[in-house]
N, C-alpha and C. Protein backbone atom coordinates (compact mmCIF):
# COMPACT_ATOMS: atom_id res chain seq x y z
N LEU A 1 194.19 -46.70 -30.72
CA LEU A 1 194.23 -46.00 -29.44
C LEU A 1 195.22 -46.71 -28.53
N LEU A 2 196.25 -46.01 -28.14
CA LEU A 2 197.24 -46.56 -27.20
C LEU A 2 197.07 -45.84 -25.88
N VAL A 3 196.99 -46.60 -24.84
CA VAL A 3 196.88 -46.03 -23.50
C VAL A 3 198.05 -46.56 -22.70
N SER A 4 198.76 -45.67 -22.06
CA SER A 4 199.87 -46.14 -21.22
C SER A 4 199.70 -45.60 -19.82
N SER A 5 200.16 -46.38 -18.88
CA SER A 5 200.14 -45.92 -17.49
C SER A 5 201.33 -46.52 -16.78
N MET A 6 201.74 -45.86 -15.71
CA MET A 6 202.87 -46.34 -14.93
C MET A 6 202.34 -47.05 -13.69
N VAL A 7 202.82 -48.27 -13.46
CA VAL A 7 202.48 -49.02 -12.26
C VAL A 7 203.81 -49.43 -11.66
N GLY A 8 204.16 -48.83 -10.53
CA GLY A 8 205.46 -49.12 -9.94
C GLY A 8 206.55 -48.68 -10.89
N LYS A 9 207.49 -49.58 -11.18
CA LYS A 9 208.57 -49.24 -12.10
C LYS A 9 208.27 -49.70 -13.52
N ASP A 10 207.16 -50.42 -13.72
CA ASP A 10 206.82 -50.96 -15.03
C ASP A 10 205.86 -50.05 -15.75
N LYS A 11 205.97 -50.03 -17.07
CA LYS A 11 205.07 -49.25 -17.89
C LYS A 11 204.16 -50.22 -18.63
N ILE A 12 202.86 -50.05 -18.51
CA ILE A 12 201.90 -50.93 -19.16
C ILE A 12 201.29 -50.18 -20.33
N ILE A 13 201.32 -50.80 -21.50
CA ILE A 13 200.76 -50.18 -22.71
C ILE A 13 199.68 -51.10 -23.24
N PHE A 14 198.49 -50.56 -23.48
CA PHE A 14 197.40 -51.32 -24.06
C PHE A 14 197.29 -50.97 -25.53
N ALA A 15 197.19 -51.98 -26.38
CA ALA A 15 197.06 -51.76 -27.81
C ALA A 15 195.79 -52.44 -28.30
N THR A 16 195.13 -51.83 -29.30
CA THR A 16 193.91 -52.42 -29.85
C THR A 16 194.27 -53.41 -30.95
N LYS A 17 193.28 -54.19 -31.37
CA LYS A 17 193.48 -55.15 -32.46
C LYS A 17 193.95 -54.42 -33.72
N GLU A 18 193.40 -53.23 -33.96
CA GLU A 18 193.76 -52.45 -35.14
C GLU A 18 195.25 -52.04 -35.10
N ASP A 19 195.75 -51.75 -33.89
CA ASP A 19 197.17 -51.38 -33.76
C ASP A 19 198.05 -52.50 -34.28
N HIS A 20 197.66 -53.73 -33.98
CA HIS A 20 198.47 -54.88 -34.39
C HIS A 20 198.32 -55.18 -35.87
N GLU A 21 197.19 -54.79 -36.48
CA GLU A 21 196.96 -55.08 -37.90
C GLU A 21 197.63 -54.06 -38.80
N THR A 22 197.94 -52.87 -38.27
CA THR A 22 198.58 -51.83 -39.07
C THR A 22 200.05 -52.15 -39.24
N PRO A 23 200.56 -52.13 -40.49
CA PRO A 23 202.00 -52.42 -40.69
C PRO A 23 202.87 -51.41 -39.95
N SER A 24 203.99 -51.86 -39.48
CA SER A 24 204.91 -51.00 -38.75
C SER A 24 205.53 -49.98 -39.70
N SER A 25 205.74 -48.78 -39.18
CA SER A 25 206.40 -47.75 -39.98
C SER A 25 207.84 -47.56 -39.52
N ALA A 26 208.32 -48.48 -38.68
CA ALA A 26 209.69 -48.38 -38.17
C ALA A 26 210.67 -48.61 -39.31
N GLU A 27 211.73 -47.81 -39.33
CA GLU A 27 212.76 -47.96 -40.35
C GLU A 27 214.04 -48.44 -39.69
N LEU A 28 214.67 -49.41 -40.32
CA LEU A 28 215.95 -49.89 -39.82
C LEU A 28 217.06 -49.06 -40.44
N VAL A 29 217.97 -48.60 -39.64
CA VAL A 29 219.08 -47.79 -40.11
C VAL A 29 220.32 -48.66 -40.13
N ALA A 30 221.04 -48.63 -41.23
CA ALA A 30 222.25 -49.44 -41.35
C ALA A 30 223.27 -48.99 -40.31
N ASP A 31 224.02 -49.96 -39.77
CA ASP A 31 225.05 -49.62 -38.79
C ASP A 31 226.12 -48.75 -39.44
N ASP A 32 226.52 -47.72 -38.73
CA ASP A 32 227.58 -46.85 -39.19
C ASP A 32 228.84 -47.21 -38.42
N PRO A 33 229.85 -47.80 -39.10
CA PRO A 33 231.05 -48.21 -38.38
C PRO A 33 231.82 -47.04 -37.76
N ASP A 34 231.54 -45.82 -38.21
CA ASP A 34 232.22 -44.64 -37.66
C ASP A 34 231.46 -44.04 -36.48
N ASP A 35 230.30 -44.60 -36.14
CA ASP A 35 229.50 -44.08 -35.04
C ASP A 35 230.20 -44.38 -33.71
N PRO A 36 230.67 -43.34 -32.99
CA PRO A 36 231.39 -43.59 -31.73
C PRO A 36 230.49 -44.20 -30.66
N TYR A 37 229.17 -44.09 -30.82
CA TYR A 37 228.25 -44.63 -29.82
C TYR A 37 227.71 -45.99 -30.19
N GLU A 38 228.21 -46.54 -31.30
CA GLU A 38 227.73 -47.86 -31.72
C GLU A 38 227.99 -48.87 -30.60
N GLU A 39 227.04 -49.76 -30.39
CA GLU A 39 227.18 -50.76 -29.33
C GLU A 39 228.36 -51.68 -29.63
N GLN A 40 229.35 -51.65 -28.77
CA GLN A 40 230.57 -52.44 -28.98
C GLN A 40 230.66 -53.61 -28.01
N GLY A 41 229.81 -53.65 -27.02
CA GLY A 41 229.95 -54.66 -25.98
C GLY A 41 230.77 -54.09 -24.84
N LEU A 42 231.03 -54.91 -23.84
CA LEU A 42 231.72 -54.44 -22.64
C LEU A 42 233.19 -54.11 -22.91
N ILE A 43 233.84 -54.92 -23.73
CA ILE A 43 235.26 -54.71 -24.00
C ILE A 43 235.42 -54.27 -25.46
N LEU A 44 236.05 -53.13 -25.65
CA LEU A 44 236.28 -52.59 -26.98
C LEU A 44 237.33 -53.42 -27.71
N PRO A 45 237.38 -53.33 -29.04
CA PRO A 45 238.36 -54.12 -29.79
C PRO A 45 239.81 -53.92 -29.34
N ASN A 46 240.13 -52.74 -28.80
CA ASN A 46 241.51 -52.50 -28.35
C ASN A 46 241.75 -53.02 -26.93
N GLY A 47 240.73 -53.65 -26.32
CA GLY A 47 240.90 -54.21 -24.98
C GLY A 47 240.47 -53.29 -23.86
N ASP A 48 240.14 -52.03 -24.18
CA ASP A 48 239.67 -51.10 -23.15
C ASP A 48 238.24 -51.43 -22.73
N ILE A 49 237.85 -50.93 -21.58
CA ILE A 49 236.49 -51.12 -21.09
C ILE A 49 235.59 -50.07 -21.73
N ASN A 50 234.42 -50.51 -22.23
CA ASN A 50 233.44 -49.60 -22.81
C ASN A 50 232.51 -49.14 -21.69
N TRP A 51 232.81 -48.00 -21.07
CA TRP A 51 232.03 -47.50 -19.94
C TRP A 51 230.61 -47.13 -20.35
N ASN A 52 230.33 -46.99 -21.65
CA ASN A 52 228.99 -46.64 -22.12
C ASN A 52 228.14 -47.87 -22.41
N CYS A 53 228.67 -49.06 -22.18
CA CYS A 53 227.92 -50.29 -22.46
C CYS A 53 226.68 -50.35 -21.57
N PRO A 54 225.49 -50.56 -22.19
CA PRO A 54 224.28 -50.68 -21.38
C PRO A 54 224.35 -51.85 -20.40
N CYS A 55 225.22 -52.81 -20.70
CA CYS A 55 225.35 -53.99 -19.83
C CYS A 55 225.84 -53.61 -18.43
N LEU A 56 226.42 -52.43 -18.26
CA LEU A 56 226.87 -51.99 -16.94
C LEU A 56 225.75 -51.37 -16.13
N GLY A 57 224.60 -51.22 -16.74
CA GLY A 57 223.43 -50.71 -16.01
C GLY A 57 223.62 -49.34 -15.41
N GLY A 58 224.45 -48.50 -15.99
CA GLY A 58 224.65 -47.15 -15.48
C GLY A 58 225.56 -47.07 -14.27
N MET A 59 226.14 -48.18 -13.87
CA MET A 59 227.00 -48.18 -12.68
C MET A 59 228.18 -47.22 -12.82
N ALA A 60 228.68 -47.05 -14.03
CA ALA A 60 229.86 -46.21 -14.24
C ALA A 60 229.54 -44.72 -14.13
N SER A 61 228.26 -44.35 -14.12
CA SER A 61 227.93 -42.93 -14.10
C SER A 61 227.15 -42.50 -12.86
N GLY A 62 226.85 -43.40 -11.96
CA GLY A 62 226.10 -43.05 -10.75
C GLY A 62 226.99 -42.34 -9.74
N PRO A 63 226.47 -42.10 -8.54
CA PRO A 63 227.24 -41.40 -7.51
C PRO A 63 228.49 -42.17 -7.08
N CYS A 64 228.52 -43.47 -7.34
CA CYS A 64 229.69 -44.28 -7.00
C CYS A 64 230.41 -44.72 -8.28
N GLY A 65 230.19 -43.98 -9.34
CA GLY A 65 230.78 -44.32 -10.64
C GLY A 65 232.29 -44.40 -10.63
N GLU A 66 232.93 -43.45 -9.98
CA GLU A 66 234.40 -43.46 -9.95
C GLU A 66 234.93 -44.67 -9.18
N GLN A 67 234.27 -45.01 -8.07
CA GLN A 67 234.69 -46.18 -7.30
C GLN A 67 234.45 -47.46 -8.10
N PHE A 68 233.31 -47.50 -8.82
CA PHE A 68 233.01 -48.66 -9.65
C PHE A 68 234.06 -48.81 -10.75
N LYS A 69 234.38 -47.70 -11.42
CA LYS A 69 235.37 -47.74 -12.50
C LYS A 69 236.73 -48.20 -11.98
N SER A 70 237.10 -47.71 -10.82
CA SER A 70 238.38 -48.08 -10.23
C SER A 70 238.42 -49.57 -9.94
N ALA A 71 237.37 -50.09 -9.30
CA ALA A 71 237.32 -51.52 -8.95
C ALA A 71 237.25 -52.39 -10.20
N PHE A 72 236.39 -52.01 -11.14
CA PHE A 72 236.22 -52.84 -12.34
C PHE A 72 237.47 -52.81 -13.20
N SER A 73 238.10 -51.63 -13.31
CA SER A 73 239.35 -51.52 -14.08
C SER A 73 240.43 -52.40 -13.46
N CYS A 74 240.55 -52.32 -12.13
CA CYS A 74 241.55 -53.11 -11.43
C CYS A 74 241.33 -54.59 -11.73
N PHE A 75 240.07 -55.04 -11.64
CA PHE A 75 239.76 -56.44 -11.89
C PHE A 75 240.07 -56.81 -13.34
N HIS A 76 239.63 -55.97 -14.28
CA HIS A 76 239.80 -56.25 -15.71
C HIS A 76 241.28 -56.40 -16.07
N TYR A 77 242.11 -55.52 -15.54
CA TYR A 77 243.53 -55.52 -15.91
C TYR A 77 244.39 -56.35 -14.95
N SER A 78 243.77 -56.97 -13.95
CA SER A 78 244.51 -57.75 -12.96
C SER A 78 245.24 -58.92 -13.63
N SER A 79 246.50 -59.09 -13.24
CA SER A 79 247.28 -60.22 -13.78
C SER A 79 247.64 -61.20 -12.67
N GLU A 80 246.98 -61.05 -11.51
CA GLU A 80 247.23 -61.95 -10.40
C GLU A 80 246.73 -63.35 -10.74
N GLU A 81 247.30 -64.35 -10.08
CA GLU A 81 246.88 -65.73 -10.32
C GLU A 81 245.39 -65.89 -10.01
N ILE A 82 244.95 -65.31 -8.90
CA ILE A 82 243.51 -65.25 -8.60
C ILE A 82 243.08 -63.86 -9.04
N LYS A 83 242.51 -63.79 -10.24
CA LYS A 83 242.18 -62.50 -10.87
C LYS A 83 241.41 -61.61 -9.91
N GLY A 84 241.89 -60.39 -9.74
CA GLY A 84 241.21 -59.41 -8.90
C GLY A 84 241.60 -59.47 -7.44
N SER A 85 242.45 -60.41 -7.06
CA SER A 85 242.82 -60.51 -5.64
C SER A 85 243.62 -59.30 -5.18
N ASP A 86 244.13 -58.52 -6.13
CA ASP A 86 244.87 -57.30 -5.79
C ASP A 86 243.96 -56.07 -5.78
N CYS A 87 242.63 -56.29 -5.84
CA CYS A 87 241.69 -55.17 -5.96
C CYS A 87 240.77 -55.02 -4.75
N VAL A 88 241.13 -55.64 -3.65
CA VAL A 88 240.27 -55.63 -2.45
C VAL A 88 239.96 -54.21 -2.00
N ASP A 89 240.97 -53.34 -1.96
CA ASP A 89 240.75 -51.97 -1.47
C ASP A 89 239.76 -51.22 -2.36
N GLN A 90 239.89 -51.39 -3.68
CA GLN A 90 238.99 -50.71 -4.61
C GLN A 90 237.55 -51.20 -4.46
N PHE A 91 237.38 -52.53 -4.31
CA PHE A 91 236.03 -53.06 -4.14
C PHE A 91 235.44 -52.65 -2.79
N ARG A 92 236.28 -52.56 -1.77
CA ARG A 92 235.80 -52.12 -0.46
C ARG A 92 235.31 -50.67 -0.55
N ALA A 93 236.07 -49.81 -1.24
CA ALA A 93 235.67 -48.41 -1.40
C ALA A 93 234.35 -48.31 -2.17
N MET A 94 234.19 -49.14 -3.19
CA MET A 94 232.95 -49.15 -3.97
C MET A 94 231.78 -49.58 -3.07
N GLN A 95 231.96 -50.63 -2.29
CA GLN A 95 230.92 -51.13 -1.40
C GLN A 95 230.54 -50.08 -0.36
N GLU A 96 231.54 -49.40 0.21
CA GLU A 96 231.27 -48.37 1.21
C GLU A 96 230.47 -47.23 0.61
N CYS A 97 230.80 -46.86 -0.62
CA CYS A 97 230.07 -45.79 -1.29
C CYS A 97 228.62 -46.22 -1.53
N MET A 98 228.44 -47.44 -2.03
CA MET A 98 227.09 -47.93 -2.35
C MET A 98 226.20 -48.00 -1.11
N GLN A 99 226.79 -48.28 0.03
CA GLN A 99 226.01 -48.35 1.27
C GLN A 99 225.45 -46.99 1.66
N LYS A 100 226.04 -45.91 1.14
CA LYS A 100 225.55 -44.56 1.43
C LYS A 100 224.29 -44.24 0.60
N TYR A 101 224.01 -45.04 -0.44
CA TYR A 101 222.89 -44.80 -1.35
C TYR A 101 222.03 -46.06 -1.47
N PRO A 102 221.38 -46.48 -0.37
CA PRO A 102 220.62 -47.74 -0.40
C PRO A 102 219.47 -47.74 -1.40
N ASP A 103 218.92 -46.57 -1.72
CA ASP A 103 217.83 -46.54 -2.70
C ASP A 103 218.33 -46.83 -4.10
N LEU A 104 219.55 -46.41 -4.40
CA LEU A 104 220.12 -46.65 -5.73
C LEU A 104 220.79 -48.00 -5.85
N TYR A 105 221.37 -48.46 -4.75
CA TYR A 105 222.11 -49.72 -4.74
C TYR A 105 221.55 -50.61 -3.63
N PRO A 106 220.39 -51.24 -3.87
CA PRO A 106 219.80 -52.06 -2.81
C PRO A 106 220.70 -53.22 -2.42
N GLN A 107 220.82 -53.45 -1.13
CA GLN A 107 221.61 -54.57 -0.62
C GLN A 107 220.71 -55.80 -0.59
N GLU A 108 221.33 -56.99 -0.47
CA GLU A 108 220.54 -58.20 -0.33
C GLU A 108 219.66 -58.06 0.90
N ASP A 109 218.39 -58.47 0.78
CA ASP A 109 217.58 -58.42 1.99
C ASP A 109 217.87 -59.67 2.81
N GLU A 110 217.33 -59.71 4.02
CA GLU A 110 217.66 -60.79 4.95
C GLU A 110 217.32 -62.16 4.38
N ASN A 111 216.20 -62.26 3.63
CA ASN A 111 215.80 -63.56 3.07
C ASN A 111 216.82 -64.04 2.05
N ASP A 112 217.27 -63.14 1.15
CA ASP A 112 218.28 -63.50 0.15
C ASP A 112 219.58 -63.89 0.84
N GLU A 113 219.95 -63.10 1.85
CA GLU A 113 221.20 -63.35 2.57
C GLU A 113 221.13 -64.71 3.26
N LYS A 114 219.98 -64.99 3.89
CA LYS A 114 219.81 -66.25 4.60
C LYS A 114 219.90 -67.41 3.62
N SER A 115 219.23 -67.30 2.47
CA SER A 115 219.24 -68.42 1.53
C SER A 115 220.62 -68.63 0.94
N SER A 116 221.39 -67.56 0.72
CA SER A 116 222.74 -67.74 0.19
C SER A 116 223.65 -68.36 1.25
N LYS A 117 223.44 -68.00 2.54
CA LYS A 117 224.23 -68.61 3.61
C LYS A 117 223.87 -70.08 3.75
N ASP A 118 222.57 -70.39 3.62
CA ASP A 118 222.14 -71.79 3.70
C ASP A 118 222.77 -72.59 2.57
N LEU A 119 222.80 -72.01 1.36
CA LEU A 119 223.38 -72.69 0.21
C LEU A 119 224.87 -72.90 0.43
N GLU A 120 225.54 -71.88 0.95
CA GLU A 120 226.98 -71.99 1.22
C GLU A 120 227.24 -73.07 2.27
N ALA A 121 226.43 -73.11 3.32
CA ALA A 121 226.60 -74.12 4.37
C ALA A 121 226.37 -75.52 3.80
N ALA A 122 225.34 -75.68 2.96
CA ALA A 122 225.06 -76.98 2.36
C ALA A 122 226.21 -77.42 1.46
N SER A 123 226.78 -76.48 0.73
CA SER A 123 227.91 -76.78 -0.15
C SER A 123 229.12 -77.24 0.67
N MET A 124 229.37 -76.55 1.80
CA MET A 124 230.50 -76.91 2.65
C MET A 124 230.29 -78.29 3.26
N GLU A 125 229.03 -78.58 3.66
CA GLU A 125 228.73 -79.89 4.23
C GLU A 125 228.95 -80.99 3.19
N ALA A 126 228.54 -80.73 1.95
CA ALA A 126 228.71 -81.72 0.88
C ALA A 126 230.20 -81.96 0.62
N SER A 127 231.01 -80.89 0.65
CA SER A 127 232.45 -81.03 0.46
C SER A 127 233.06 -81.86 1.58
N ALA A 128 232.64 -81.59 2.83
CA ALA A 128 233.15 -82.31 3.98
C ALA A 128 232.77 -83.79 3.89
N ALA A 129 231.56 -84.06 3.45
CA ALA A 129 231.11 -85.46 3.32
C ALA A 129 231.95 -86.19 2.28
N LYS A 130 232.28 -85.52 1.16
CA LYS A 130 233.11 -86.14 0.11
C LYS A 130 234.50 -86.43 0.64
N GLU A 131 235.06 -85.49 1.43
CA GLU A 131 236.39 -85.69 1.99
C GLU A 131 236.40 -86.89 2.93
N GLU A 132 235.33 -87.04 3.75
CA GLU A 132 235.24 -88.17 4.68
C GLU A 132 235.18 -89.47 3.91
N GLU A 133 234.37 -89.50 2.81
CA GLU A 133 234.26 -90.70 2.01
C GLU A 133 235.64 -91.09 1.43
N GLY A 134 236.36 -90.07 0.96
CA GLY A 134 237.67 -90.31 0.33
C GLY A 134 238.72 -90.77 1.31
N SER A 135 238.59 -90.43 2.59
CA SER A 135 239.62 -90.75 3.57
C SER A 135 239.43 -92.14 4.18
N SER A 136 238.26 -92.76 3.98
CA SER A 136 238.05 -94.06 4.61
C SER A 136 238.52 -95.20 3.74
């Protein structure tokens, strides 16, 4: 007897002792090298971006998918010394789009933002302290 229920975004499944004692009937299917949907990773062998990679979390197909693709493509193919420094406009457009859909693209909440600012400030203070030590 399997019972499942949804709690928030998680799915809880209860299994009995008998469920665990029964051998699995799952069959493994050999990988088909000709399968166009085979998991290739983020970057395909030819160097292109695999927009179907689950690692992108659906970002390429959401309401801001085109902006995401533009920004990510720019970054991926960037040849600037500071990679992606030529992609500011694309990332800004992506960010502006995402702000229109806060339920789909949650922003950092104030606590996360505060802790990252505190960490950044502590890092800057540590750098300044090292510079002072080095100058004396």
